[in-house]
Amino acid sequence: MKHKVLIVDDDEAIRTQMKWALSQDYEVHFAEDRKGAREAFEANSPAATLLDLGLPPRPNECDEGLAALSEILALDSTAKVIIISGQGEKRNAIEAVGAGAYDFLCKPVEMEELGLLLRRCIHVVELEEEYRELQQSQRSDVFEDMLGTSPQMQAVFA
């Protein structure tokens, strides 16, 4: 089963390039703006989200991208959001990591670097899922061998 990746970018050429680079290994979904990002995230529950900070209606500013990050993390505080930013926006990307983003890349994005970062991100997601499953299975077994095994309790049940 392929993991889902959501790409949020208003530049169609970048979306196409990323789809071409990632679709063999991932189920790729797209959004062009903050509203679309929220809807696509809710509908698809991606393992990772690639989020451009410069989104419409003000693509030259980072406020829409940061708002999208905030909304995604409000939906799922464990979401893995990788920020994609222009070189001049590096300070904003670091701010986004401080606000909960998983990591960031500067444009132009090297596909090899993106692939490595996504593999690392997906590995973390898988480890977190295994941990949650382990916690759940241990939680149900905690008292299994303890309750009702004392001689006094056995006498009550007899």
Protein backbone atom coordinates (compact mmCIF):
# COMPACT_ATOMS: atom_id res chain seq x y z
CA MET A 1 0.00 0.00 0.00
CA LYS A 2 1.34 3.41 -0.96
CA HIS A 3 1.41 6.15 1.65
CA LYS A 4 -0.53 9.30 0.81
CA VAL A 5 1.25 12.61 0.25
CA LEU A 6 -0.57 15.93 -0.05
CA ILE A 7 1.11 18.65 -2.11
CA VAL A 8 -0.15 22.18 -1.43
CA ASP A 9 1.21 24.65 -3.99
CA ASP A 10 -0.45 27.19 -6.26
CA ASP A 11 2.16 26.67 -9.01
CA GLU A 12 0.91 24.03 -11.44
CA ALA A 13 4.40 23.40 -12.83
CA ILE A 14 5.70 22.55 -9.36
CA ARG A 15 2.72 20.29 -8.65
CA THR A 16 3.31 18.49 -11.95
CA GLN A 17 7.04 18.09 -11.26
CA MET A 18 6.40 16.71 -7.79
CA LYS A 19 3.68 14.37 -9.05
CA TRP A 20 6.07 13.05 -11.67
CA ALA A 21 8.80 12.55 -9.07
CA LEU A 22 6.64 11.04 -6.31
CA SER A 23 3.72 9.16 -7.88
CA GLN A 24 5.66 5.93 -8.33
CA ASP A 25 6.21 5.61 -4.57
CA TYR A 26 3.29 7.56 -3.11
CA GLU A 27 -0.41 8.20 -3.65
CA VAL A 28 -0.25 11.91 -4.46
CA HIS A 29 -3.04 14.42 -3.76
CA PHE A 30 -3.08 18.14 -4.48
CA ALA A 31 -4.43 21.44 -3.23
CA GLU A 32 -3.83 24.97 -4.48
CA ASP A 33 -4.81 27.10 -1.48
CA ARG A 34 -5.48 27.02 2.26
CA LYS A 35 -9.13 25.96 1.97
CA GLY A 36 -8.24 23.20 -0.49
CA ALA A 37 -5.40 22.07 1.78
CA ARG A 38 -7.73 21.68 4.74
CA GLU A 39 -10.33 19.82 2.67
CA ALA A 40 -7.77 17.52 1.03
CA PHE A 41 -6.13 16.81 4.39
CA GLU A 42 -9.47 15.88 5.98
CA ALA A 43 -10.49 13.74 2.99
CA ASN A 44 -7.21 11.86 2.54
CA SER A 45 -5.37 11.79 5.90
CA PRO A 46 -1.96 11.95 4.23
CA ALA A 47 1.15 10.55 5.89
CA ALA A 48 2.99 13.71 4.82
CA THR A 49 2.01 17.14 3.52
CA LEU A 50 4.28 19.33 1.39
CA LEU A 51 3.18 22.91 2.00
CA ASP A 52 4.30 25.99 0.11
CA LEU A 53 4.17 29.03 2.38
CA GLY A 54 3.21 31.40 -0.46
CA LEU A 55 -0.43 30.59 -1.18
CA PRO A 56 -3.24 32.64 -2.75
CA PRO A 57 -4.63 35.20 -2.35
CA ARG A 58 -1.21 36.62 -1.31
CA PRO A 59 1.38 34.27 -2.83
CA ASN A 60 4.24 36.69 -2.08
CA GLU A 61 3.56 36.53 1.67
CA CYS A 62 3.66 33.60 4.05
CA ASP A 63 0.54 34.26 6.15
CA GLU A 64 -1.74 31.91 4.15
CA GLY A 65 0.81 29.10 4.31
CA LEU A 66 1.30 29.56 8.04
CA ALA A 67 -2.48 29.63 8.52
CA ALA A 68 -2.78 26.40 6.50
CA LEU A 69 -0.10 24.83 8.71
CA SER A 70 -2.01 25.88 11.81
CA GLU A 71 -5.29 24.46 10.47
CA ILE A 72 -3.70 21.14 9.50
CA LEU A 73 -2.06 20.77 12.91
CA ALA A 74 -5.39 21.65 14.56
CA LEU A 75 -6.96 18.74 12.66
CA ASP A 76 -4.12 16.37 13.59
CA SER A 77 -1.39 17.46 15.98
CA THR A 78 0.81 14.57 14.81
CA ALA A 79 0.59 15.57 11.12
CA LYS A 80 3.91 15.67 9.29
CA VAL A 81 4.05 18.92 7.32
CA ILE A 82 7.14 19.72 5.28
CA ILE A 83 7.41 23.40 4.41
CA ILE A 84 8.55 24.38 0.92
CA SER A 85 9.76 27.96 0.79
CA GLY A 86 11.66 30.34 -1.42
CA GLN A 87 15.24 31.15 -0.46
CA GLY A 88 14.15 34.57 0.81
CA GLU A 89 11.56 32.93 3.07
CA LYS A 90 13.98 30.75 5.04
CA ARG A 91 13.31 32.69 8.26
CA ASN A 92 9.58 32.06 7.77
CA ALA A 93 10.21 28.36 7.15
CA ILE A 94 12.17 28.13 10.39
CA GLU A 95 9.30 29.91 12.13
CA ALA A 96 6.94 27.29 10.67
CA VAL A 97 9.10 24.48 12.07
CA GLY A 98 8.89 26.22 15.44
CA ALA A 99 5.09 26.21 15.03
CA GLY A 100 5.00 22.45 14.47
CA ALA A 101 6.12 21.73 10.90
CA TYR A 102 8.19 18.55 10.53
CA ASP A 103 10.94 20.13 8.41
CA PHE A 104 11.52 22.51 5.51
CA LEU A 105 13.11 22.67 2.08
CA CYS A 106 14.07 25.76 0.12
CA LYS A 107 13.15 26.25 -3.53
CA PRO A 108 14.26 25.13 -5.99
CA VAL A 109 13.61 21.72 -4.47
CA GLU A 110 16.05 18.96 -5.32
CA MET A 111 13.93 15.87 -5.93
CA GLU A 112 16.59 13.59 -4.44
CA GLU A 113 16.62 15.64 -1.23
CA LEU A 114 12.80 15.67 -1.16
CA GLY A 115 12.70 11.90 -1.63
CA LEU A 116 15.12 11.37 1.24
CA LEU A 117 13.17 13.70 3.52
CA LEU A 118 9.87 12.01 2.64
CA ARG A 119 11.30 8.53 3.29
CA ARG A 120 12.55 9.70 6.70
CA CYS A 121 9.19 11.33 7.42
CA ILE A 122 7.22 8.20 6.43
CA HIS A 123 9.53 6.08 8.59
CA VAL A 124 8.69 8.29 11.59
CA VAL A 125 4.96 7.98 10.79
CA GLU A 126 5.27 4.18 10.67
CA LEU A 127 7.17 4.10 13.98
CA GLU A 128 4.50 6.27 15.60
CA GLU A 129 1.75 3.95 14.30
CA GLU A 130 3.58 0.89 15.65
CA TYR A 131 3.99 2.60 19.01
CA ARG A 132 0.29 3.47 19.22
CA GLU A 133 -0.67 -0.11 18.32
CA LEU A 134 1.72 -1.48 20.93
CA GLN A 135 0.34 0.87 23.57
CA GLN A 136 -3.21 -0.18 22.69
CA SER A 137 -2.44 -3.89 22.87
CA GLN A 138 -0.61 -3.53 26.18
CA ARG A 139 -3.37 -1.41 27.64
CA SER A 140 -5.91 -4.20 27.18
CA ASP A 141 -3.56 -6.83 28.66
CA VAL A 142 -2.52 -4.91 31.78
CA PHE A 143 -4.95 -6.53 34.22
CA GLU A 144 -5.70 -9.68 32.26
CA ASP A 145 -3.65 -12.05 34.45
CA MET A 146 -4.13 -10.06 37.62
CA LEU A 147 -7.87 -9.75 38.17
CA GLY A 148 -9.57 -12.70 39.77
CA THR A 149 -6.48 -14.89 40.21
CA SER A 150 -5.95 -14.56 43.97
CA PRO A 151 -7.23 -17.43 46.16
CA GLN A 152 -9.71 -15.05 47.80
CA MET A 153 -11.22 -14.04 44.45
CA GLN A 154 -11.28 -17.65 43.27
CA ALA A 155 -13.32 -18.46 46.38
CA VAL A 156 -15.78 -15.69 45.50
CA PHE A 157 -16.19 -17.04 41.96
CA ALA A 158 -16.62 -20.65 43.17
